[in-house]
Amino acid sequence: NRQGITFSIESDRGGIVTSHRNLLHQVMLNLIANSEEAFCDHPGPDKQIFILHRSIDGWHRIQITDNGCGIPKSVQTKILDLGYTTRDDGKGFGLCFCVEAMQQLHGYLEINSDGSHQGTTVTLHLPFS
């Protein structure tokens, strides 16, 4: 429990993710930090980040879901652009880095949010080694 945020992790133990450890670690840290930031205007006590790992059809799928502020529909097409940020102190490199890193790991990521105040799910797709 960090900053009043409840973290939950679940895995099907269907396989061990073997990948460039440092690169995947940086991606995960960046995405979890983004989830934590999503609670900056969240007054309620029910702040949750849920990490789910599943192994499906030769791919590891790692989902990071939060119930934070979500991503407004008006910016969803821009959030992966280099230099784009919605934060006052942001630089706009974090998600762009994650996309590039996932490509280096021979995978990809997807970001889903139903809009403002709806939370966000980022799904990492990594091939089995």
Protein backbone atom coordinates (compact mmCIF):
# COMPACT_ATOMS: atom_id res chain seq x y z
CA ASN A 1 0.00 0.00 0.00
CA ARG A 2 1.80 3.07 -1.29
CA GLN A 3 0.23 6.54 -1.06
CA GLY A 4 -3.05 4.87 -0.16
CA ILE A 5 -2.93 2.74 -3.31
CA THR A 6 -3.69 -0.97 -3.14
CA PHE A 7 -1.53 -3.12 -5.45
CA SER A 8 -2.71 -6.57 -6.53
CA ILE A 9 -0.82 -9.05 -8.69
CA GLU A 10 -2.15 -12.21 -10.28
CA SER A 11 -0.41 -14.69 -12.59
CA ASP A 12 -1.52 -17.91 -14.21
CA ARG A 13 2.05 -19.17 -13.83
CA GLY A 14 1.76 -20.37 -17.41
CA GLY A 15 5.32 -19.45 -18.12
CA ILE A 16 8.20 -17.34 -17.04
CA VAL A 17 8.72 -14.12 -18.96
CA THR A 18 12.26 -14.24 -20.31
CA SER A 19 13.26 -10.95 -21.80
CA HIS A 20 15.80 -8.16 -21.51
CA ARG A 21 15.36 -7.68 -17.78
CA ASN A 22 16.39 -4.03 -17.48
CA LEU A 23 14.35 -2.87 -20.45
CA LEU A 24 11.18 -4.66 -19.34
CA HIS A 25 11.76 -3.42 -15.79
CA GLN A 26 11.91 0.19 -17.04
CA VAL A 27 8.69 -0.26 -19.02
CA MET A 28 6.89 -1.70 -15.99
CA LEU A 29 8.19 1.05 -13.67
CA ASN A 30 7.10 3.75 -16.10
CA LEU A 31 3.61 2.31 -16.50
CA ILE A 32 3.13 1.83 -12.75
CA ALA A 33 4.32 5.41 -12.15
CA ASN A 34 1.75 6.58 -14.72
CA SER A 35 -0.93 4.65 -12.85
CA GLU A 36 0.13 6.26 -9.58
CA GLU A 37 -0.04 9.70 -11.21
CA ALA A 38 -3.58 8.91 -12.36
CA PHE A 39 -4.68 9.20 -8.72
CA CYS A 40 -3.41 12.75 -8.16
CA ASP A 41 -6.96 14.13 -8.31
CA HIS A 42 -8.63 10.99 -6.92
CA PRO A 43 -10.11 11.97 -3.56
CA GLY A 44 -11.51 8.56 -2.63
CA PRO A 45 -9.85 5.81 -0.63
CA ASP A 46 -10.41 3.15 -3.32
CA LYS A 47 -7.18 3.59 -5.32
CA GLN A 48 -6.20 0.33 -7.00
CA ILE A 49 -3.54 -0.90 -9.40
CA PHE A 50 -3.98 -4.46 -10.62
CA ILE A 51 -1.28 -6.36 -12.53
CA LEU A 52 -2.36 -9.50 -14.35
CA HIS A 53 -0.10 -11.94 -16.22
CA ARG A 54 -1.53 -14.52 -18.58
CA SER A 55 0.17 -16.84 -21.09
CA ILE A 56 -1.95 -17.25 -24.21
CA ASP A 57 -1.12 -18.74 -27.63
CA GLY A 58 2.65 -18.23 -27.42
CA TRP A 59 2.40 -14.75 -25.90
CA HIS A 60 2.73 -13.36 -22.42
CA ARG A 61 0.08 -10.74 -21.75
CA ILE A 62 0.77 -8.41 -18.84
CA GLN A 63 -2.01 -5.98 -17.99
CA ILE A 64 -1.59 -2.99 -15.70
CA THR A 65 -5.00 -1.62 -14.76
CA ASP A 66 -5.83 1.33 -12.54
CA ASN A 67 -9.08 2.93 -11.49
CA GLY A 68 -7.62 6.43 -11.72
CA CYS A 69 -8.56 9.46 -13.80
CA GLY A 70 -8.54 7.64 -17.13
CA ILE A 71 -7.57 9.17 -20.47
CA PRO A 72 -9.93 11.67 -22.07
CA LYS A 73 -11.10 10.58 -25.53
CA SER A 74 -9.83 13.87 -26.97
CA VAL A 75 -6.17 12.97 -26.28
CA GLN A 76 -6.15 9.20 -26.76
CA THR A 77 -4.81 9.46 -30.30
CA LYS A 78 -1.92 11.70 -29.15
CA ILE A 79 -0.65 10.05 -25.96
CA LEU A 80 1.98 7.91 -27.70
CA ASP A 81 3.42 10.84 -29.67
CA LEU A 82 6.93 11.88 -28.71
CA GLY A 83 6.79 15.07 -26.64
CA TYR A 84 3.04 14.95 -25.95
CA THR A 85 2.10 15.24 -22.27
CA THR A 86 -0.94 16.12 -20.19
CA ARG A 87 1.14 16.83 -17.09
CA ASP A 88 2.43 20.25 -16.09
CA ASP A 89 5.84 18.75 -15.26
CA GLY A 90 5.81 16.08 -17.99
CA LYS A 91 8.23 15.77 -20.88
CA GLY A 92 6.22 13.42 -23.10
CA PHE A 93 8.86 10.70 -23.34
CA GLY A 94 7.49 7.96 -21.06
CA LEU A 95 4.87 6.22 -23.19
CA CYS A 96 6.88 6.78 -26.35
CA PHE A 97 9.82 5.05 -24.63
CA CYS A 98 7.54 2.15 -23.67
CA VAL A 99 6.43 1.67 -27.29
CA GLU A 100 10.05 1.69 -28.52
CA ALA A 101 11.17 -0.67 -25.74
CA MET A 102 8.37 -3.13 -26.49
CA GLN A 103 9.40 -3.16 -30.15
CA GLN A 104 12.98 -3.95 -29.08
CA LEU A 105 11.56 -6.83 -27.03
CA HIS A 106 9.68 -8.06 -30.15
CA GLY A 107 6.35 -7.21 -28.55
CA TYR A 108 3.86 -4.37 -28.46
CA LEU A 109 1.55 -2.55 -26.09
CA GLU A 110 -2.07 -1.44 -26.14
CA ILE A 111 -3.68 1.30 -24.07
CA ASN A 112 -7.40 1.29 -23.32
CA SER A 113 -9.50 3.79 -21.42
CA ASP A 114 -13.21 4.50 -21.68
CA GLY A 115 -12.43 8.16 -21.01
CA SER A 116 -12.15 10.55 -18.10
CA HIS A 117 -12.72 9.02 -14.65
CA GLN A 118 -12.88 5.51 -16.16
CA GLY A 119 -9.43 4.16 -15.33
CA THR A 120 -6.89 2.80 -17.79
CA THR A 121 -5.53 -0.59 -18.83
CA VAL A 122 -2.16 -0.96 -20.51
CA THR A 123 -1.50 -4.40 -21.99
CA LEU A 124 2.01 -5.57 -22.80
CA HIS A 125 2.31 -8.41 -25.31
CA LEU A 126 5.60 -10.33 -25.27
CA PRO A 127 6.35 -13.47 -27.29
CA PHE A 128 7.48 -16.64 -25.60
CA SER A 129 11.25 -17.08 -25.97
